Amino acid sequence: MQSSQKPHGKSASTNADRRVNTRHAFVATTEITDSAHALRLSGRVTEISRQGCFVDVVHPLPVGTMLKLRVTCDQGAFETQAKILYVQQGIGMGITFVDTPEDQAKILEKWLVDLPPAITV
């Protein structure tokens, strides 16, 4: 007989969903490349943090998709590997940065220093 009990303690998603870094209001263009499916999308970044960003796109890619992300603004460009964490259909997708090279992390950090925090509801 199998037990239908749920495990005790905190779920992994409880801690994973908690934001560690401050999100900042930010407007930039982005080019997203999903090499596994030979897709290239353009979108608009509306929020960014040290860990990831939110990209406005009408047709988001599926959660878990690995991709190459290039964010371009007046201050230059930032490139990294990334993964889609969540999707808001018809609105956009939350993306986490993966294995960001040190030189690119420095570019991002330079941008974040002067940005105000995003307003959250």
C-alpha atoms as a PDB file:
ATOM      1  CA  MET A   1       0.000   0.000   0.000  1.00  0.00           C
ATOM      2  CA  GLN A   2       1.355   3.441  -0.939  1.00  0.00           C
ATOM      3  CA  SER A   3       1.070   6.417   1.336  1.00  0.00           C
ATOM      4  CA  SER A   4      -0.513   9.590   0.047  1.00  0.00           C
ATOM      5  CA  GLN A   5       1.307  11.717   2.603  1.00  0.00           C
ATOM      6  CA  LYS A   6       3.039  14.841   1.398  1.00  0.00           C
ATOM      7  CA  PRO A   7       6.662  15.329   2.468  1.00  0.00           C
ATOM      8  CA  HIS A   8       7.210  17.519   5.504  1.00  0.00           C
ATOM      9  CA  GLY A   9       9.239  20.709   5.421  1.00  0.00           C
ATOM     10  CA  LYS A  10       9.733  23.430   2.861  1.00  0.00           C
ATOM     11  CA  SER A  11       9.325  22.669  -0.800  1.00  0.00           C
ATOM     12  CA  ALA A  12      12.221  23.370  -3.124  1.00  0.00           C
ATOM     13  CA  SER A  13      10.105  25.826  -5.112  1.00  0.00           C
ATOM     14  CA  THR A  14       9.381  27.956  -2.021  1.00  0.00           C
ATOM     15  CA  ASN A  15      13.022  28.949  -1.715  1.00  0.00           C
ATOM     16  CA  ALA A  16      13.664  28.994  -5.470  1.00  0.00           C
ATOM     17  CA  ASP A  17      10.801  31.423  -6.091  1.00  0.00           C
ATOM     18  CA  ARG A  18      12.107  33.924  -3.567  1.00  0.00           C
ATOM     19  CA  ARG A  19      14.054  36.732  -5.251  1.00  0.00           C
ATOM     20  CA  VAL A  20      17.525  37.221  -3.827  1.00  0.00           C
ATOM     21  CA  ASN A  21      18.511  40.259  -5.862  1.00  0.00           C
ATOM     22  CA  THR A  22      16.667  43.518  -6.329  1.00  0.00           C
ATOM     23  CA  ARG A  23      14.874  43.864  -9.645  1.00  0.00           C
ATOM     24  CA  HIS A  24      15.385  47.155 -11.444  1.00  0.00           C
ATOM     25  CA  ALA A  25      13.161  48.936 -13.941  1.00  0.00           C
ATOM     26  CA  PHE A  26      15.094  48.798 -17.198  1.00  0.00           C
ATOM     27  CA  VAL A  27      14.281  49.260 -20.858  1.00  0.00           C
ATOM     28  CA  ALA A  28      16.453  47.641 -23.502  1.00  0.00           C
ATOM     29  CA  THR A  29      16.133  45.523 -26.589  1.00  0.00           C
ATOM     30  CA  THR A  30      17.058  41.878 -26.575  1.00  0.00           C
ATOM     31  CA  GLU A  31      17.866  39.197 -29.075  1.00  0.00           C
ATOM     32  CA  ILE A  32      17.149  35.650 -27.951  1.00  0.00           C
ATOM     33  CA  THR A  33      18.623  32.677 -29.783  1.00  0.00           C
ATOM     34  CA  ASP A  34      17.400  29.138 -29.180  1.00  0.00           C
ATOM     35  CA  SER A  35      19.968  27.134 -31.118  1.00  0.00           C
ATOM     36  CA  ALA A  36      18.278  23.802 -30.343  1.00  0.00           C
ATOM     37  CA  HIS A  37      15.258  24.871 -32.421  1.00  0.00           C
ATOM     38  CA  ALA A  38      17.047  27.340 -34.724  1.00  0.00           C
ATOM     39  CA  LEU A  39      14.865  30.188 -33.445  1.00  0.00           C
ATOM     40  CA  ARG A  40      15.708  33.850 -33.049  1.00  0.00           C
ATOM     41  CA  LEU A  41      13.365  36.246 -31.229  1.00  0.00           C
ATOM     42  CA  SER A  42      13.482  39.937 -30.495  1.00  0.00           C
ATOM     43  CA  GLY A  43      11.951  41.371 -27.353  1.00  0.00           C
ATOM     44  CA  ARG A  44      12.099  44.160 -24.830  1.00  0.00           C
ATOM     45  CA  VAL A  45      13.641  43.842 -21.374  1.00  0.00           C
ATOM     46  CA  THR A  46      11.505  45.662 -18.786  1.00  0.00           C
ATOM     47  CA  GLU A  47      13.176  44.503 -15.548  1.00  0.00           C
ATOM     48  CA  ILE A  48      16.661  43.258 -14.787  1.00  0.00           C
ATOM     49  CA  SER A  49      18.663  41.986 -11.811  1.00  0.00           C
ATOM     50  CA  ARG A  50      22.003  40.279 -11.212  1.00  0.00           C
ATOM     51  CA  GLN A  51      20.294  36.903 -11.699  1.00  0.00           C
ATOM     52  CA  GLY A  52      17.958  37.491 -14.624  1.00  0.00           C
ATOM     53  CA  CYS A  53      15.436  39.643 -16.426  1.00  0.00           C
ATOM     54  CA  PHE A  54      11.881  39.827 -17.713  1.00  0.00           C
ATOM     55  CA  VAL A  55      11.429  40.007 -21.474  1.00  0.00           C
ATOM     56  CA  ASP A  56       8.234  41.228 -23.144  1.00  0.00           C
ATOM     57  CA  VAL A  57       7.426  38.940 -26.092  1.00  0.00           C
ATOM     58  CA  VAL A  58       4.053  38.000 -27.557  1.00  0.00           C
ATOM     59  CA  HIS A  59       4.996  34.352 -28.164  1.00  0.00           C
ATOM     60  CA  PRO A  60       7.290  33.182 -25.338  1.00  0.00           C
ATOM     61  CA  LEU A  61       9.335  30.004 -25.566  1.00  0.00           C
ATOM     62  CA  PRO A  62       8.605  27.075 -23.213  1.00  0.00           C
ATOM     63  CA  VAL A  63       9.774  27.013 -19.582  1.00  0.00           C
ATOM     64  CA  GLY A  64      13.170  25.341 -19.283  1.00  0.00           C
ATOM     65  CA  THR A  65      14.387  26.381 -22.736  1.00  0.00           C
ATOM     66  CA  MET A  66      18.117  27.118 -22.754  1.00  0.00           C
ATOM     67  CA  LEU A  67      19.098  30.070 -24.906  1.00  0.00           C
ATOM     68  CA  LYS A  68      21.641  32.727 -25.707  1.00  0.00           C
ATOM     69  CA  LEU A  69      20.593  36.208 -24.621  1.00  0.00           C
ATOM     70  CA  ARG A  70      21.936  39.542 -25.872  1.00  0.00           C
ATOM     71  CA  VAL A  71      20.657  42.722 -24.191  1.00  0.00           C
ATOM     72  CA  THR A  72      21.428  46.014 -25.912  1.00  0.00           C
ATOM     73  CA  CYS A  73      20.965  49.543 -24.545  1.00  0.00           C
ATOM     74  CA  ASP A  74      22.643  52.969 -24.692  1.00  0.00           C
ATOM     75  CA  GLN A  75      25.404  51.696 -22.379  1.00  0.00           C
ATOM     76  CA  GLY A  76      26.377  48.836 -24.702  1.00  0.00           C
ATOM     77  CA  ALA A  77      25.580  45.127 -24.817  1.00  0.00           C
ATOM     78  CA  PHE A  78      25.456  42.239 -22.350  1.00  0.00           C
ATOM     79  CA  GLU A  79      25.572  38.601 -23.493  1.00  0.00           C
ATOM     80  CA  THR A  80      25.068  35.382 -21.551  1.00  0.00           C
ATOM     81  CA  GLN A  81      23.577  31.922 -21.638  1.00  0.00           C
ATOM     82  CA  ALA A  82      20.132  31.852 -20.036  1.00  0.00           C
ATOM     83  CA  LYS A  83      17.156  29.679 -19.171  1.00  0.00           C
ATOM     84  CA  ILE A  84      13.436  30.458 -19.183  1.00  0.00           C
ATOM     85  CA  LEU A  85      12.078  30.178 -15.614  1.00  0.00           C
ATOM     86  CA  TYR A  86       8.440  31.130 -16.139  1.00  0.00           C
ATOM     87  CA  VAL A  87       6.064  32.304 -18.847  1.00  0.00           C
ATOM     88  CA  GLN A  88       3.159  34.765 -18.782  1.00  0.00           C
ATOM     89  CA  GLN A  89       1.246  33.895 -21.958  1.00  0.00           C
ATOM     90  CA  GLY A  90       0.862  36.850 -24.318  1.00  0.00           C
ATOM     91  CA  ILE A  91       3.041  39.037 -22.053  1.00  0.00           C
ATOM     92  CA  GLY A  92       6.534  37.635 -21.739  1.00  0.00           C
ATOM     93  CA  MET A  93       8.919  35.419 -19.853  1.00  0.00           C
ATOM     94  CA  GLY A  94      11.167  35.453 -16.821  1.00  0.00           C
ATOM     95  CA  ILE A  95      14.723  34.474 -17.656  1.00  0.00           C
ATOM     96  CA  THR A  96      17.615  33.504 -15.390  1.00  0.00           C
ATOM     97  CA  PHE A  97      21.228  34.038 -16.412  1.00  0.00           C
ATOM     98  CA  VAL A  98      23.393  30.902 -16.577  1.00  0.00           C
ATOM     99  CA  ASP A  99      27.202  30.723 -16.555  1.00  0.00           C
ATOM    100  CA  THR A 100      27.683  34.435 -17.250  1.00  0.00           C
ATOM    101  CA  PRO A 101      31.307  35.150 -18.212  1.00  0.00           C
ATOM    102  CA  GLU A 102      33.121  37.466 -15.786  1.00  0.00           C
ATOM    103  CA  ASP A 103      33.560  40.255 -18.350  1.00  0.00           C
ATOM    104  CA  GLN A 104      29.814  40.215 -19.068  1.00  0.00           C
ATOM    105  CA  ALA A 105      28.942  40.165 -15.344  1.00  0.00           C
ATOM    106  CA  LYS A 106      31.012  43.347 -14.948  1.00  0.00           C
ATOM    107  CA  ILE A 107      29.017  45.034 -17.732  1.00  0.00           C
ATOM    108  CA  LEU A 108      25.746  44.090 -16.035  1.00  0.00           C
ATOM    109  CA  GLU A 109      26.977  45.258 -12.634  1.00  0.00           C
ATOM    110  CA  LYS A 110      27.968  48.615 -14.126  1.00  0.00           C
ATOM    111  CA  TRP A 111      24.434  49.045 -15.495  1.00  0.00           C
ATOM    112  CA  LEU A 112      22.742  48.067 -12.219  1.00  0.00           C
ATOM    113  CA  VAL A 113      24.638  50.585 -10.081  1.00  0.00           C
ATOM    114  CA  ASP A 114      22.707  53.530 -11.509  1.00  0.00           C
ATOM    115  CA  LEU A 115      19.241  51.951 -11.844  1.00  0.00           C
ATOM    116  CA  PRO A 116      16.355  52.598  -9.434  1.00  0.00           C
ATOM    117  CA  PRO A 117      14.611  49.511  -7.972  1.00  0.00           C
ATOM    118  CA  ALA A 118      11.511  48.331  -9.823  1.00  0.00           C
ATOM    119  CA  ILE A 119       8.167  49.105  -8.221  1.00  0.00           C
ATOM    120  CA  THR A 120       6.472  45.902  -7.089  1.00  0.00           C
ATOM    121  CA  VAL A 121       2.813  45.471  -6.260  1.00  0.00           C
END
